[in-house]
């Protein structure tokens, strides 16, 4: 579950309560949002300037073998959709909530590649 702004992972608490008995539910905060660490000492702007890269790296650490469902809210829609476009073989479905369309970036259209 990928949140937007000004929300954070707690936006999905009721979803997680309803789904976690049947599904593995993961709702990370973007770096610098919610209760996540604020790594100012590493020179990272907050929120992170590359949330698409952050999501790609995070999903890569999870060891997921099955296709995933991404639940996307607000600007999390753009971040998750970019991941889905770059990795369609990893996606079972998208659930898109209150998000908008964004033009494809002219450079680095696939974050994490």
PDB file of N, CA and C in Angstrom:
ATOM      1  N   UNK A   1       0.853  -1.168   0.000  1.00  0.00           N
ATOM      2  CA  UNK A   1       0.000   0.000   0.000  1.00  0.00           C
ATOM      3  C   UNK A   1       0.895   1.226   0.000  1.00  0.00           C
ATOM      4  N   UNK A   2       0.682   2.085  -0.970  1.00  0.00           N
ATOM      5  CA  UNK A   2       1.557   3.245  -1.154  1.00  0.00           C
ATOM      6  C   UNK A   2       0.746   4.518  -0.916  1.00  0.00           C
ATOM      7  N   UNK A   3       1.096   5.229   0.147  1.00  0.00           N
ATOM      8  CA  UNK A   3       0.343   6.422   0.532  1.00  0.00           C
ATOM      9  C   UNK A   3       0.765   7.645  -0.264  1.00  0.00           C
ATOM     10  N   UNK A   4      -0.007   8.691  -0.100  1.00  0.00           N
ATOM     11  CA  UNK A   4       0.296   9.972  -0.730  1.00  0.00           C
ATOM     12  C   UNK A   4       0.678  11.003   0.305  1.00  0.00           C
ATOM     13  N   UNK A   5       0.293  12.237   0.034  1.00  0.00           N
ATOM     14  CA  UNK A   5       0.637  13.347   0.918  1.00  0.00           C
ATOM     15  C   UNK A   5      -0.624  14.169   1.166  1.00  0.00           C
ATOM     16  N   UNK A   6      -0.959  14.535   2.335  1.00  0.00           N
ATOM     17  CA  UNK A   6      -0.167  14.496   3.552  1.00  0.00           C
ATOM     18  C   UNK A   6      -0.393  13.242   4.400  1.00  0.00           C
ATOM     19  N   UNK A   7      -0.938  12.201   3.805  1.00  0.00           N
ATOM     20  CA  UNK A   7      -1.187  10.978   4.570  1.00  0.00           C
ATOM     21  C   UNK A   7       0.114  10.226   4.801  1.00  0.00           C
ATOM     22  N   UNK A   8       0.006   9.127   5.508  1.00  0.00           N
ATOM     23  CA  UNK A   8       1.140   8.256   5.758  1.00  0.00           C
ATOM     24  C   UNK A   8       0.587   6.858   5.902  1.00  0.00           C
ATOM     25  N   UNK A   9       1.391   5.885   6.283  1.00  0.00           N
ATOM     26  CA  UNK A   9       0.961   4.488   6.283  1.00  0.00           C
ATOM     27  C   UNK A   9      -0.271   4.241   7.151  1.00  0.00           C
ATOM     28  N   UNK A  10      -0.487   5.054   8.174  1.00  0.00           N
ATOM     29  CA  UNK A  10      -1.655   4.851   9.030  1.00  0.00           C
ATOM     30  C   UNK A  10      -2.958   5.072   8.280  1.00  0.00           C
ATOM     31  N   UNK A  11      -2.894   5.680   7.110  1.00  0.00           N
ATOM     32  CA  UNK A  11      -4.067   5.839   6.251  1.00  0.00           C
ATOM     33  C   UNK A  11      -4.695   4.479   5.957  1.00  0.00           C
ATOM     34  N   UNK A  12      -3.886   3.428   5.943  1.00  0.00           N
ATOM     35  CA  UNK A  12      -4.339   2.091   5.552  1.00  0.00           C
ATOM     36  C   UNK A  12      -4.655   1.169   6.730  1.00  0.00           C
ATOM     37  N   UNK A  13      -4.688   1.671   7.959  1.00  0.00           N
ATOM     38  CA  UNK A  13      -4.877   0.810   9.130  1.00  0.00           C
ATOM     39  C   UNK A  13      -6.145  -0.032   9.014  1.00  0.00           C
ATOM     40  N   UNK A  14      -7.262   0.569   8.649  1.00  0.00           N
ATOM     41  CA  UNK A  14      -8.513  -0.208   8.574  1.00  0.00           C
ATOM     42  C   UNK A  14      -8.449  -1.246   7.455  1.00  0.00           C
ATOM     43  N   UNK A  15      -7.787  -0.931   6.360  1.00  0.00           N
ATOM     44  CA  UNK A  15      -7.613  -1.902   5.286  1.00  0.00           C
ATOM     45  C   UNK A  15      -6.798  -3.096   5.786  1.00  0.00           C
ATOM     46  N   UNK A  16      -5.714  -2.796   6.468  1.00  0.00           N
ATOM     47  CA  UNK A  16      -4.835  -3.855   6.977  1.00  0.00           C
ATOM     48  C   UNK A  16      -5.586  -4.739   7.962  1.00  0.00           C
ATOM     49  N   UNK A  17      -6.361  -4.140   8.851  1.00  0.00           N
ATOM     50  CA  UNK A  17      -7.144  -4.931   9.813  1.00  0.00           C
ATOM     51  C   UNK A  17      -8.102  -5.866   9.096  1.00  0.00           C
ATOM     52  N   UNK A  18      -8.712  -5.402   8.024  1.00  0.00           N
ATOM     53  CA  UNK A  18      -9.667  -6.222   7.291  1.00  0.00           C
ATOM     54  C   UNK A  18      -9.046  -7.269   6.380  1.00  0.00           C
ATOM     55  N   UNK A  19      -7.827  -7.038   5.925  1.00  0.00           N
ATOM     56  CA  UNK A  19      -7.209  -7.926   4.941  1.00  0.00           C
ATOM     57  C   UNK A  19      -6.108  -8.835   5.482  1.00  0.00           C
ATOM     58  N   UNK A  20      -5.531  -8.489   6.622  1.00  0.00           N
ATOM     59  CA  UNK A  20      -4.318  -9.185   7.067  1.00  0.00           C
ATOM     60  C   UNK A  20      -4.527 -10.631   7.475  1.00  0.00           C
ATOM     61  N   UNK A  21      -5.760 -11.049   7.742  1.00  0.00           N
ATOM     62  CA  UNK A  21      -5.979 -12.463   8.061  1.00  0.00           C
ATOM     63  C   UNK A  21      -5.869 -13.342   6.808  1.00  0.00           C
ATOM     64  N   UNK A  22      -5.980 -12.724   5.610  1.00  0.00           N
ATOM     65  CA  UNK A  22      -5.911 -13.475   4.354  1.00  0.00           C
ATOM     66  C   UNK A  22      -4.730 -13.095   3.472  1.00  0.00           C
ATOM     67  N   UNK A  23      -4.170 -11.919   3.694  1.00  0.00           N
ATOM     68  CA  UNK A  23      -3.121 -11.417   2.823  1.00  0.00           C
ATOM     69  C   UNK A  23      -1.991 -10.815   3.650  1.00  0.00           C
ATOM     70  N   UNK A  24      -0.797 -10.863   3.104  1.00  0.00           N
ATOM     71  CA  UNK A  24       0.318 -10.134   3.700  1.00  0.00           C
ATOM     72  C   UNK A  24       0.164  -8.670   3.284  1.00  0.00           C
ATOM     73  N   UNK A  25       0.023  -7.804   4.253  1.00  0.00           N
ATOM     74  CA  UNK A  25      -0.198  -6.384   3.988  1.00  0.00           C
ATOM     75  C   UNK A  25       1.021  -5.579   4.432  1.00  0.00           C
ATOM     76  N   UNK A  26       1.510  -4.757   3.542  1.00  0.00           N
ATOM     77  CA  UNK A  26       2.676  -3.929   3.842  1.00  0.00           C
ATOM     78  C   UNK A  26       2.343  -2.504   3.434  1.00  0.00           C
ATOM     79  N   UNK A  27       2.526  -1.580   4.377  1.00  0.00           N
ATOM     80  CA  UNK A  27       2.254  -0.165   4.115  1.00  0.00           C
ATOM     81  C   UNK A  27       3.409   0.661   4.662  1.00  0.00           C
ATOM     82  N   UNK A  28       4.483   0.791   3.886  1.00  0.00           N
ATOM     83  CA  UNK A  28       5.630   1.565   4.367  1.00  0.00           C
ATOM     84  C   UNK A  28       5.370   3.064   4.270  1.00  0.00           C
ATOM     85  N   UNK A  29       6.093   3.815   5.061  1.00  0.00           N
ATOM     86  CA  UNK A  29       6.104   5.269   4.914  1.00  0.00           C
ATOM     87  C   UNK A  29       7.225   5.641   3.959  1.00  0.00           C
ATOM     88  N   UNK A  30       6.983   6.669   3.169  1.00  0.00           N
ATOM     89  CA  UNK A  30       8.067   7.214   2.359  1.00  0.00           C
ATOM     90  C   UNK A  30       9.100   7.799   3.316  1.00  0.00           C
ATOM     91  N   UNK A  31      10.354   7.793   2.915  1.00  0.00           N
ATOM     92  CA  UNK A  31      11.410   8.343   3.758  1.00  0.00           C
ATOM     93  C   UNK A  31      11.067   9.786   4.110  1.00  0.00           C
ATOM     94  N   UNK A  32      11.067  10.061   5.411  1.00  0.00           N
ATOM     95  CA  UNK A  32      10.765  11.397   5.896  1.00  0.00           C
ATOM     96  C   UNK A  32       9.301  11.655   6.163  1.00  0.00           C
ATOM     97  N   UNK A  33       8.426  10.678   5.928  1.00  0.00           N
ATOM     98  CA  UNK A  33       6.996  10.823   6.187  1.00  0.00           C
ATOM     99  C   UNK A  33       6.594   9.937   7.355  1.00  0.00           C
ATOM    100  N   UNK A  34       5.499  10.296   8.012  1.00  0.00           N
ATOM    101  CA  UNK A  34       4.990   9.480   9.115  1.00  0.00           C
ATOM    102  C   UNK A  34       6.022   9.304  10.204  1.00  0.00           C
ATOM    103  N   UNK A  35       6.204   8.069  10.638  1.00  0.00           N
ATOM    104  CA  UNK A  35       7.162   7.767  11.697  1.00  0.00           C
ATOM    105  C   UNK A  35       8.502   7.283  11.160  1.00  0.00           C
ATOM    106  N   UNK A  36       8.715   7.391   9.850  1.00  0.00           N
ATOM    107  CA  UNK A  36       9.975   6.904   9.294  1.00  0.00           C
ATOM    108  C   UNK A  36      11.130   7.784   9.770  1.00  0.00           C
ATOM    109  N   UNK A  37      12.314   7.221   9.677  1.00  0.00           N
ATOM    110  CA  UNK A  37      13.514   7.966  10.061  1.00  0.00           C
ATOM    111  C   UNK A  37      13.664   9.197   9.177  1.00  0.00           C
ATOM    112  N   UNK A  38      14.206  10.224   9.748  1.00  0.00           N
ATOM    113  CA  UNK A  38      14.476  11.453   9.011  1.00  0.00           C
ATOM    114  C   UNK A  38      15.984  11.604   8.886  1.00  0.00           C
ATOM    115  N   UNK A  39      16.538  11.030   7.825  1.00  0.00           N
ATOM    116  CA  UNK A  39      17.999  10.932   7.698  1.00  0.00           C
ATOM    117  C   UNK A  39      18.669  12.221   7.223  1.00  0.00           C
ATOM    118  N   UNK A  40      18.434  13.314   7.904  1.00  0.00           N
ATOM    119  CA  UNK A  40      19.007  14.607   7.506  1.00  0.00           C
ATOM    120  C   UNK A  40      20.530  14.550   7.447  1.00  0.00           C
ATOM    121  N   UNK A  41      21.128  13.772   8.310  1.00  0.00           N
ATOM    122  CA  UNK A  41      22.590  13.727   8.338  1.00  0.00           C
ATOM    123  C   UNK A  41      23.180  13.101   7.069  1.00  0.00           C
ATOM    124  N   UNK A  42      22.357  12.449   6.270  1.00  0.00           N
ATOM    125  CA  UNK A  42      22.840  11.839   5.040  1.00  0.00           C
ATOM    126  C   UNK A  42      22.583  12.729   3.827  1.00  0.00           C
ATOM    127  N   UNK A  43      22.069  13.936   4.076  1.00  0.00           N
ATOM    128  CA  UNK A  43      21.850  14.884   2.989  1.00  0.00           C
ATOM    129  C   UNK A  43      20.650  14.576   2.128  1.00  0.00           C
ATOM    130  N   UNK A  44      19.694  13.799   2.620  1.00  0.00           N
ATOM    131  CA  UNK A  44      18.494  13.464   1.855  1.00  0.00           C
ATOM    132  C   UNK A  44      17.433  14.517   2.142  1.00  0.00           C
ATOM    133  N   UNK A  45      16.882  15.104   1.069  1.00  0.00           N
ATOM    134  CA  UNK A  45      15.771  16.043   1.247  1.00  0.00           C
ATOM    135  C   UNK A  45      14.565  15.271   1.724  1.00  0.00           C
ATOM    136  N   UNK A  46      13.706  15.907   2.464  1.00  0.00           N
ATOM    137  CA  UNK A  46      12.516  15.244   2.980  1.00  0.00           C
ATOM    138  C   UNK A  46      11.275  15.882   2.391  1.00  0.00           C
ATOM    139  N   UNK A  47      10.307  15.111   1.918  1.00  0.00           N
ATOM    140  CA  UNK A  47      10.446  13.668   1.730  1.00  0.00           C
ATOM    141  C   UNK A  47      11.494  13.352   0.672  1.00  0.00           C
ATOM    142  N   UNK A  48      11.816  12.101   0.563  1.00  0.00           N
ATOM    143  CA  UNK A  48      12.878  11.658  -0.330  1.00  0.00           C
ATOM    144  C   UNK A  48      12.651  12.179  -1.744  1.00  0.00           C
ATOM    145  N   UNK A  49      13.704  12.630  -2.423  1.00  0.00           N
ATOM    146  CA  UNK A  49      13.543  13.118  -3.790  1.00  0.00           C
ATOM    147  C   UNK A  49      13.276  12.009  -4.798  1.00  0.00           C
ATOM    148  N   UNK A  50      13.480  10.759  -4.438  1.00  0.00           N
ATOM    149  CA  UNK A  50      13.299   9.634  -5.361  1.00  0.00           C
ATOM    150  C   UNK A  50      12.397   8.568  -4.754  1.00  0.00           C
ATOM    151  N   UNK A  51      11.128   8.894  -4.440  1.00  0.00           N
ATOM    152  CA  UNK A  51      10.277   7.882  -3.807  1.00  0.00           C
ATOM    153  C   UNK A  51      10.053   6.655  -4.680  1.00  0.00           C
ATOM    154  N   UNK A  52      10.114   6.800  -6.011  1.00  0.00           N
ATOM    155  CA  UNK A  52       9.986   5.633  -6.889  1.00  0.00           C
ATOM    156  C   UNK A  52      11.149   4.678  -6.713  1.00  0.00           C
ATOM    157  N   UNK A  53      12.351   5.232  -6.616  1.00  0.00           N
ATOM    158  CA  UNK A  53      13.529   4.399  -6.374  1.00  0.00           C
ATOM    159  C   UNK A  53      13.449   3.750  -5.001  1.00  0.00           C
ATOM    160  N   UNK A  54      12.956   4.508  -4.020  1.00  0.00           N
ATOM    161  CA  UNK A  54      12.811   3.966  -2.667  1.00  0.00           C
ATOM    162  C   UNK A  54      11.852   2.778  -2.667  1.00  0.00           C
ATOM    163  N   UNK A  55      10.714   2.915  -3.351  1.00  0.00           N
ATOM    164  CA  UNK A  55       9.736   1.822  -3.408  1.00  0.00           C
ATOM    165  C   UNK A  55      10.334   0.614  -4.109  1.00  0.00           C
ATOM    166  N   UNK A  56      11.006   0.835  -5.217  1.00  0.00           N
ATOM    167  CA  UNK A  56      11.637  -0.266  -5.960  1.00  0.00           C
ATOM    168  C   UNK A  56      12.620  -1.015  -5.053  1.00  0.00           C
ATOM    169  N   UNK A  57      13.468  -0.283  -4.365  1.00  0.00           N
ATOM    170  CA  UNK A  57      14.455  -0.914  -3.478  1.00  0.00           C
ATOM    171  C   UNK A  57      13.767  -1.658  -2.344  1.00  0.00           C
ATOM    172  N   UNK A  58      12.727  -1.059  -1.767  1.00  0.00           N
ATOM    173  CA  UNK A  58      12.023  -1.695  -0.658  1.00  0.00           C
ATOM    174  C   UNK A  58      11.369  -2.996  -1.095  1.00  0.00           C
ATOM    175  N   UNK A  59      10.643  -2.973  -2.197  1.00  0.00           N
ATOM    176  CA  UNK A  59       9.983  -4.192  -2.677  1.00  0.00           C
ATOM    177  C   UNK A  59      11.022  -5.273  -2.959  1.00  0.00           C
ATOM    178  N   UNK A  60      12.177  -4.871  -3.447  1.00  0.00           N
ATOM    179  CA  UNK A  60      13.244  -5.832  -3.718  1.00  0.00           C
ATOM    180  C   UNK A  60      13.759  -6.545  -2.483  1.00  0.00           C
ATOM    181  N   UNK A  61      13.615  -5.942  -1.317  1.00  0.00           N
ATOM    182  CA  UNK A  61      14.104  -6.566  -0.076  1.00  0.00           C
ATOM    183  C   UNK A  61      13.117  -7.559   0.526  1.00  0.00           C
ATOM    184  N   UNK A  62      11.895  -7.608   0.018  1.00  0.00           N
ATOM    185  CA  UNK A  62      10.838  -8.386   0.665  1.00  0.00           C
ATOM    186  C   UNK A  62      10.838  -9.872   0.308  1.00  0.00           C
ATOM    187  N   UNK A  63      11.553 -10.263  -0.711  1.00  0.00           N
ATOM    188  CA  UNK A  63      11.593 -11.667  -1.093  1.00  0.00           C
ATOM    189  C   UNK A  63      10.252 -12.197  -1.568  1.00  0.00           C
ATOM    190  N   UNK A  64       9.497 -11.384  -2.263  1.00  0.00           N
ATOM    191  CA  UNK A  64       8.164 -11.777  -2.721  1.00  0.00           C
ATOM    192  C   UNK A  64       8.279 -12.678  -3.939  1.00  0.00           C
ATOM    193  N   UNK A  65       7.567 -13.791  -3.908  1.00  0.00           N
ATOM    194  CA  UNK A  65       7.601 -14.731  -5.020  1.00  0.00           C
ATOM    195  C   UNK A  65       6.352 -14.654  -5.888  1.00  0.00           C
ATOM    196  N   UNK A  66       5.236 -14.245  -5.305  1.00  0.00           N
ATOM    197  CA  UNK A  66       3.989 -14.137  -6.051  1.00  0.00           C
ATOM    198  C   UNK A  66       3.829 -12.722  -6.585  1.00  0.00           C
ATOM    199  N   UNK A  67       2.941 -12.595  -7.581  1.00  0.00           N
ATOM    200  CA  UNK A  67       2.601 -11.261  -8.067  1.00  0.00           C
ATOM    201  C   UNK A  67       1.929 -10.476  -6.939  1.00  0.00           C
ATOM    202  N   UNK A  68       2.088  -9.160  -6.979  1.00  0.00           N
ATOM    203  CA  UNK A  68       1.579  -8.331  -5.896  1.00  0.00           C
ATOM    204  C   UNK A  68       0.426  -7.447  -6.354  1.00  0.00           C
ATOM    205  N   UNK A  69      -0.384  -7.052  -5.389  1.00  0.00           N
ATOM    206  CA  UNK A  69      -1.413  -6.052  -5.593  1.00  0.00           C
ATOM    207  C   UNK A  69      -0.907  -4.770  -4.966  1.00  0.00           C
ATOM    208  N   UNK A  70      -0.900  -3.700  -5.730  1.00  0.00           N
ATOM    209  CA  UNK A  70      -0.524  -2.401  -5.192  1.00  0.00           C
ATOM    210  C   UNK A  70      -1.790  -1.589  -4.956  1.00  0.00           C
ATOM    211  N   UNK A  71      -1.950  -1.097  -3.733  1.00  0.00           N
ATOM    212  CA  UNK A  71      -3.022  -0.173  -3.386  1.00  0.00           C
ATOM    213  C   UNK A  71      -2.371   1.204  -3.351  1.00  0.00           C
ATOM    214  N   UNK A  72      -2.858   2.123  -4.180  1.00  0.00           N
ATOM    215  CA  UNK A  72      -2.183   3.391  -4.411  1.00  0.00           C
ATOM    216  C   UNK A  72      -3.102   4.558  -4.088  1.00  0.00           C
ATOM    217  N   UNK A  73      -2.601   5.488  -3.291  1.00  0.00           N
ATOM    218  CA  UNK A  73      -3.384   6.666  -2.920  1.00  0.00           C
ATOM    219  C   UNK A  73      -2.604   7.943  -3.201  1.00  0.00           C
ATOM    220  N   UNK A  74      -3.292   8.944  -3.731  1.00  0.00           N
ATOM    221  CA  UNK A  74      -2.742  10.266  -3.962  1.00  0.00           C
ATOM    222  C   UNK A  74      -1.467  10.157  -4.797  1.00  0.00           C
ATOM    223  N   UNK A  75      -0.369  10.825  -4.450  1.00  0.00           N
ATOM    224  CA  UNK A  75       0.831  10.726  -5.277  1.00  0.00           C
ATOM    225  C   UNK A  75       1.502   9.365  -5.153  1.00  0.00           C
ATOM    226  N   UNK A  76       1.028   8.526  -4.223  1.00  0.00           N
ATOM    227  CA  UNK A  76       1.440   7.129  -4.220  1.00  0.00           C
ATOM    228  C   UNK A  76       0.983   6.424  -5.491  1.00  0.00           C
ATOM    229  N   UNK A  77      -0.057   6.983  -6.142  1.00  0.00           N
ATOM    230  CA  UNK A  77      -0.524   6.440  -7.417  1.00  0.00           C
ATOM    231  C   UNK A  77       0.536   6.530  -8.494  1.00  0.00           C
ATOM    232  N   UNK A  78       1.177   7.676  -8.595  1.00  0.00           N
ATOM    233  CA  UNK A  78       2.234   7.860  -9.584  1.00  0.00           C
ATOM    234  C   UNK A  78       3.432   6.974  -9.256  1.00  0.00           C
ATOM    235  N   UNK A  79       3.794   6.928  -7.984  1.00  0.00           N
ATOM    236  CA  UNK A  79       4.959   6.145  -7.563  1.00  0.00           C
ATOM    237  C   UNK A  79       4.724   4.662  -7.846  1.00  0.00           C
ATOM    238  N   UNK A  80       3.566   4.142  -7.428  1.00  0.00           N
ATOM    239  CA  UNK A  80       3.260   2.728  -7.652  1.00  0.00           C
ATOM    240  C   UNK A  80       3.040   2.388  -9.114  1.00  0.00           C
ATOM    241  N   UNK A  81       2.407   3.306  -9.857  1.00  0.00           N
ATOM    242  CA  UNK A  81       2.179   3.059 -11.285  1.00  0.00           C
ATOM    243  C   UNK A  81       3.504   2.996 -12.039  1.00  0.00           C
ATOM    244  N   UNK A  82       4.466   3.834 -11.644  1.00  0.00           N
ATOM    245  CA  UNK A  82       5.780   3.784 -12.286  1.00  0.00           C
ATOM    246  C   UNK A  82       6.435   2.427 -12.043  1.00  0.00           C
ATOM    247  N   UNK A  83       6.302   1.904 -10.819  1.00  0.00           N
ATOM    248  CA  UNK A  83       6.841   0.576 -10.528  1.00  0.00           C
ATOM    249  C   UNK A  83       6.137  -0.475 -11.391  1.00  0.00           C
ATOM    250  N   UNK A  84       4.806  -0.377 -11.488  1.00  0.00           N
ATOM    251  CA  UNK A  84       4.028  -1.356 -12.258  1.00  0.00           C
ATOM    252  C   UNK A  84       4.380  -1.332 -13.742  1.00  0.00           C
ATOM    253  N   UNK A  85       4.604  -0.145 -14.299  1.00  0.00           N
ATOM    254  CA  UNK A  85       4.967  -0.032 -15.711  1.00  0.00           C
ATOM    255  C   UNK A  85       6.328  -0.669 -15.962  1.00  0.00           C
ATOM    256  N   UNK A  86       7.242  -0.485 -15.032  1.00  0.00           N
ATOM    257  CA  UNK A  86       8.592  -1.026 -15.200  1.00  0.00           C
ATOM    258  C   UNK A  86       8.681  -2.513 -14.885  1.00  0.00           C
ATOM    259  N   UNK A  87       7.722  -3.016 -14.117  1.00  0.00           N
ATOM    260  CA  UNK A  87       7.746  -4.419 -13.689  1.00  0.00           C
ATOM    261  C   UNK A  87       6.372  -5.074 -13.826  1.00  0.00           C
ATOM    262  N   UNK A  88       5.783  -5.075 -15.008  1.00  0.00           N
ATOM    263  CA  UNK A  88       4.428  -5.636 -15.154  1.00  0.00           C
ATOM    264  C   UNK A  88       4.355  -7.115 -14.782  1.00  0.00           C
ATOM    265  N   UNK A  89       5.457  -7.831 -14.915  1.00  0.00           N
ATOM    266  CA  UNK A  89       5.472  -9.256 -14.558  1.00  0.00           C
ATOM    267  C   UNK A  89       5.313  -9.485 -13.059  1.00  0.00           C
ATOM    268  N   UNK A  90       5.479  -8.454 -12.239  1.00  0.00           N
ATOM    269  CA  UNK A  90       5.381  -8.579 -10.778  1.00  0.00           C
ATOM    270  C   UNK A  90       4.006  -8.182 -10.245  1.00  0.00           C
ATOM    271  N   UNK A  91       3.111  -7.676 -11.128  1.00  0.00           N
ATOM    272  CA  UNK A  91       1.860  -7.065 -10.698  1.00  0.00           C
ATOM    273  C   UNK A  91       0.668  -7.970 -11.008  1.00  0.00           C
ATOM    274  N   UNK A  92      -0.138  -8.243  -9.978  1.00  0.00           N
ATOM    275  CA  UNK A  92      -1.395  -8.963 -10.158  1.00  0.00           C
ATOM    276  C   UNK A  92      -2.526  -7.981 -10.444  1.00  0.00           C
ATOM    277  N   UNK A  93      -2.555  -6.870  -9.684  1.00  0.00           N
ATOM    278  CA  UNK A  93      -3.603  -5.864  -9.870  1.00  0.00           C
ATOM    279  C   UNK A  93      -3.189  -4.562  -9.209  1.00  0.00           C
ATOM    280  N   UNK A  94      -3.870  -3.498  -9.632  1.00  0.00           N
ATOM    281  CA  UNK A  94      -3.701  -2.179  -9.031  1.00  0.00           C
ATOM    282  C   UNK A  94      -5.034  -1.728  -8.461  1.00  0.00           C
ATOM    283  N   UNK A  95      -5.022  -1.192  -7.270  1.00  0.00           N
ATOM    284  CA  UNK A  95      -6.184  -0.551  -6.667  1.00  0.00           C
ATOM    285  C   UNK A  95      -5.802   0.914  -6.535  1.00  0.00           C
ATOM    286  N   UNK A  96      -6.486   1.780  -7.279  1.00  0.00           N
ATOM    287  CA  UNK A  96      -6.102   3.184  -7.362  1.00  0.00           C
ATOM    288  C   UNK A  96      -7.174   4.040  -6.694  1.00  0.00           C
ATOM    289  N   UNK A  97      -6.740   4.811  -5.687  1.00  0.00           N
ATOM    290  CA  UNK A  97      -7.647   5.640  -4.900  1.00  0.00           C
ATOM    291  C   UNK A  97      -7.256   7.109  -5.006  1.00  0.00           C
ATOM    292  N   UNK A  98      -8.169   7.957  -5.391  1.00  0.00           N
ATOM    293  CA  UNK A  98      -7.972   9.397  -5.317  1.00  0.00           C
ATOM    294  C   UNK A  98      -6.565   9.813  -5.754  1.00  0.00           C
ATOM    295  N   UNK A  99      -6.235   9.462  -6.951  1.00  0.00           N
ATOM    296  CA  UNK A  99      -4.922   9.833  -7.481  1.00  0.00           C
ATOM    297  C   UNK A  99      -5.118  10.551  -8.798  1.00  0.00           C
ATOM    298  N   UNK A 100      -4.068  11.039  -9.363  1.00  0.00           N
ATOM    299  CA  UNK A 100      -4.148  11.779 -10.620  1.00  0.00           C
ATOM    300  C   UNK A 100      -3.148  11.217 -11.606  1.00  0.00           C
ATOM    301  N   UNK A 101      -3.321  11.612 -12.831  1.00  0.00           N
ATOM    302  CA  UNK A 101      -2.385  11.190 -13.870  1.00  0.00           C
ATOM    303  C   UNK A 101      -1.224  12.166 -13.911  1.00  0.00           C
ATOM    304  N   UNK A 102      -0.049  11.643 -14.152  1.00  0.00           N
ATOM    305  CA  UNK A 102       1.151  12.446 -14.258  1.00  0.00           C
ATOM    306  C   UNK A 102       1.823  12.106 -15.573  1.00  0.00           C
ATOM    307  N   UNK A 103       2.438  13.089 -16.229  1.00  0.00           N
ATOM    308  CA  UNK A 103       3.140  12.759 -17.470  1.00  0.00           C
ATOM    309  C   UNK A 103       4.352  11.881 -17.188  1.00  0.00           C
ATOM    310  N   UNK A 104       4.667  11.023 -18.138  1.00  0.00           N
ATOM    311  CA  UNK A 104       5.845  10.165 -18.032  1.00  0.00           C
ATOM    312  C   UNK A 104       7.091  11.042 -18.011  1.00  0.00           C
ATOM    313  N   UNK A 105       7.991  10.805 -17.058  1.00  0.00           N
ATOM    314  CA  UNK A 105       9.211  11.607 -17.031  1.00  0.00           C
ATOM    315  C   UNK A 105      10.026  11.428 -18.309  1.00  0.00           C
ATOM    316  N   UNK A 106      10.662  12.481 -18.765  1.00  0.00           N
ATOM    317  CA  UNK A 106      11.450  12.378 -19.987  1.00  0.00           C
ATOM    318  C   UNK A 106      12.767  11.661 -19.747  1.00  0.00           C
ATOM    319  N   UNK A 107      13.245  11.675 -18.501  1.00  0.00           N
ATOM    320  CA  UNK A 107      14.468  10.954 -18.158  1.00  0.00           C
ATOM    321  C   UNK A 107      14.156   9.917 -17.089  1.00  0.00           C
ATOM    322  N   UNK A 108      14.847   8.814 -17.120  1.00  0.00           N
ATOM    323  CA  UNK A 108      14.681   7.736 -16.137  1.00  0.00           C
ATOM    324  C   UNK A 108      13.209   7.353 -15.960  1.00  0.00           C
ATOM    325  N   UNK A 109      12.514   6.966 -17.024  1.00  0.00           N
ATOM    326  CA  UNK A 109      11.096   6.645 -16.908  1.00  0.00           C
ATOM    327  C   UNK A 109      10.833   5.431 -16.014  1.00  0.00           C
ATOM    328  N   UNK A 110      11.801   4.577 -15.831  1.00  0.00           N
ATOM    329  CA  UNK A 110      11.639   3.425 -14.945  1.00  0.00           C
ATOM    330  C   UNK A 110      12.593   3.574 -13.765  1.00  0.00           C
ATOM    331  N   UNK A 111      12.039   3.973 -12.650  1.00  0.00           N
ATOM    332  CA  UNK A 111      12.848   4.137 -11.448  1.00  0.00           C
ATOM    333  C   UNK A 111      13.487   2.804 -11.083  1.00  0.00           C
ATOM    334  N   UNK A 112      14.671   2.870 -10.556  1.00  0.00           N
ATOM    335  CA  UNK A 112      15.348   1.667 -10.098  1.00  0.00           C
ATOM    336  C   UNK A 112      16.057   0.893 -11.200  1.00  0.00           C
ATOM    337  N   UNK A 113      16.096   1.441 -12.371  1.00  0.00           N
ATOM    338  CA  UNK A 113      16.772   0.761 -13.490  1.00  0.00           C
ATOM    339  C   UNK A 113      17.895   1.603 -14.008  1.00  0.00           C
TER     340      UNK A 113
END
